[in-house]
């Protein structure tokens, strides 16, 4: 599967792989920079996927009268 069509789970797995390579500490500087750059791009893709999912969830929340409304997802989550 191309990186363009990666699922969120595949993005996270790829990101963990990049982090693992960097944490080993044995990459040459140029390779470490490439891995870091790729990791940052993956983090952005993951963040974008989460933002899109959050917007979709917000659109699907409905009031009692059946009218779809947008309500921030954070109001319903207990995030520490």
C-alpha atoms as a PDB file:
ATOM      1  CA  UNK A   1       0.000   0.000   0.000  1.00  0.00           C
ATOM      2  CA  UNK A   2       1.347   3.408  -0.879  1.00  0.00           C
ATOM      3  CA  UNK A   3       1.972   5.897   1.897  1.00  0.00           C
ATOM      4  CA  UNK A   4      -0.706   8.100   0.343  1.00  0.00           C
ATOM      5  CA  UNK A   5      -3.395   5.531   1.188  1.00  0.00           C
ATOM      6  CA  UNK A   6      -2.172   4.432   4.622  1.00  0.00           C
ATOM      7  CA  UNK A   7      -4.748   3.818   7.311  1.00  0.00           C
ATOM      8  CA  UNK A   8      -4.326   5.549  10.660  1.00  0.00           C
ATOM      9  CA  UNK A   9      -3.117   2.267  12.152  1.00  0.00           C
ATOM     10  CA  UNK A  10      -0.502   1.871   9.412  1.00  0.00           C
ATOM     11  CA  UNK A  11       0.684   5.439   9.963  1.00  0.00           C
ATOM     12  CA  UNK A  12       1.126   4.753  13.687  1.00  0.00           C
ATOM     13  CA  UNK A  13       2.964   1.479  13.015  1.00  0.00           C
ATOM     14  CA  UNK A  14       5.288   3.224  10.547  1.00  0.00           C
ATOM     15  CA  UNK A  15       5.867   6.054  13.020  1.00  0.00           C
ATOM     16  CA  UNK A  16       6.732   3.571  15.794  1.00  0.00           C
ATOM     17  CA  UNK A  17       9.178   1.913  13.405  1.00  0.00           C
ATOM     18  CA  UNK A  18      10.877   5.249  12.665  1.00  0.00           C
ATOM     19  CA  UNK A  19      11.081   6.058  16.381  1.00  0.00           C
ATOM     20  CA  UNK A  20      12.600   2.635  17.036  1.00  0.00           C
ATOM     21  CA  UNK A  21      15.322   3.236  14.469  1.00  0.00           C
ATOM     22  CA  UNK A  22      16.101   6.625  15.980  1.00  0.00           C
ATOM     23  CA  UNK A  23      16.129   5.289  19.549  1.00  0.00           C
ATOM     24  CA  UNK A  24      18.724   2.662  18.652  1.00  0.00           C
ATOM     25  CA  UNK A  25      21.174   5.500  18.181  1.00  0.00           C
ATOM     26  CA  UNK A  26      23.290   3.711  15.594  1.00  0.00           C
ATOM     27  CA  UNK A  27      22.091   5.510  12.459  1.00  0.00           C
ATOM     28  CA  UNK A  28      24.505   7.759  10.605  1.00  0.00           C
ATOM     29  CA  UNK A  29      23.562  11.426  10.906  1.00  0.00           C
ATOM     30  CA  UNK A  30      22.087  11.708   7.397  1.00  0.00           C
ATOM     31  CA  UNK A  31      19.970   8.580   7.891  1.00  0.00           C
ATOM     32  CA  UNK A  32      18.833   9.820  11.306  1.00  0.00           C
ATOM     33  CA  UNK A  33      17.785  13.138   9.778  1.00  0.00           C
ATOM     34  CA  UNK A  34      15.842  11.341   7.042  1.00  0.00           C
ATOM     35  CA  UNK A  35      14.155   9.097   9.620  1.00  0.00           C
ATOM     36  CA  UNK A  36      13.291  12.134  11.750  1.00  0.00           C
ATOM     37  CA  UNK A  37      11.897  14.005   8.740  1.00  0.00           C
ATOM     38  CA  UNK A  38       9.837  10.977   7.725  1.00  0.00           C
ATOM     39  CA  UNK A  39       8.609  10.604  11.305  1.00  0.00           C
ATOM     40  CA  UNK A  40       7.512  14.235  11.432  1.00  0.00           C
ATOM     41  CA  UNK A  41       5.613  13.796   8.154  1.00  0.00           C
ATOM     42  CA  UNK A  42       3.929  10.691   9.572  1.00  0.00           C
ATOM     43  CA  UNK A  43       3.016  12.552  12.765  1.00  0.00           C
ATOM     44  CA  UNK A  44       1.358  15.261  10.665  1.00  0.00           C
ATOM     45  CA  UNK A  45      -0.564  12.670   8.640  1.00  0.00           C
ATOM     46  CA  UNK A  46      -1.717  11.004  11.849  1.00  0.00           C
ATOM     47  CA  UNK A  47      -2.752  14.326  13.382  1.00  0.00           C
ATOM     48  CA  UNK A  48      -4.623  15.234  10.179  1.00  0.00           C
ATOM     49  CA  UNK A  49      -6.404  11.855  10.209  1.00  0.00           C
ATOM     50  CA  UNK A  50      -7.448  12.380  13.843  1.00  0.00           C
ATOM     51  CA  UNK A  51      -8.676  15.895  13.092  1.00  0.00           C
ATOM     52  CA  UNK A  52     -10.744  14.600  10.170  1.00  0.00           C
ATOM     53  CA  UNK A  53     -12.207  11.820  12.330  1.00  0.00           C
ATOM     54  CA  UNK A  54     -13.018  14.297  15.103  1.00  0.00           C
ATOM     55  CA  UNK A  55     -14.823  16.571  12.647  1.00  0.00           C
ATOM     56  CA  UNK A  56     -16.817  13.634  11.330  1.00  0.00           C
ATOM     57  CA  UNK A  57     -17.806  12.584  14.864  1.00  0.00           C
ATOM     58  CA  UNK A  58     -18.830  16.145  15.669  1.00  0.00           C
ATOM     59  CA  UNK A  59     -21.030  16.198  12.567  1.00  0.00           C
ATOM     60  CA  UNK A  60     -22.700  12.929  13.546  1.00  0.00           C
ATOM     61  CA  UNK A  61     -23.692  14.045  17.041  1.00  0.00           C
ATOM     62  CA  UNK A  62     -27.386  14.813  16.973  1.00  0.00           C
ATOM     63  CA  UNK A  63     -29.639  16.735  19.337  1.00  0.00           C
ATOM     64  CA  UNK A  64     -32.926  15.293  20.638  1.00  0.00           C
ATOM     65  CA  UNK A  65     -34.931  16.876  17.843  1.00  0.00           C
ATOM     66  CA  UNK A  66     -32.881  15.006  15.261  1.00  0.00           C
ATOM     67  CA  UNK A  67     -31.042  18.041  13.963  1.00  0.00           C
ATOM     68  CA  UNK A  68     -27.353  17.440  13.485  1.00  0.00           C
ATOM     69  CA  UNK A  69     -25.236  19.867  15.448  1.00  0.00           C
ATOM     70  CA  UNK A  70     -21.565  20.427  15.934  1.00  0.00           C
ATOM     71  CA  UNK A  71     -20.392  20.066  19.495  1.00  0.00           C
ATOM     72  CA  UNK A  72     -16.709  19.967  20.465  1.00  0.00           C
ATOM     73  CA  UNK A  73     -15.605  16.408  21.166  1.00  0.00           C
ATOM     74  CA  UNK A  74     -13.423  17.650  24.041  1.00  0.00           C
ATOM     75  CA  UNK A  75     -16.556  18.464  26.067  1.00  0.00           C
ATOM     76  CA  UNK A  76     -17.374  14.778  26.297  1.00  0.00           C
ATOM     77  CA  UNK A  77     -13.876  13.445  26.940  1.00  0.00           C
ATOM     78  CA  UNK A  78     -12.088  13.432  30.266  1.00  0.00           C
ATOM     79  CA  UNK A  79      -8.534  14.003  29.075  1.00  0.00           C
ATOM     80  CA  UNK A  80      -5.803  14.538  31.651  1.00  0.00           C
END
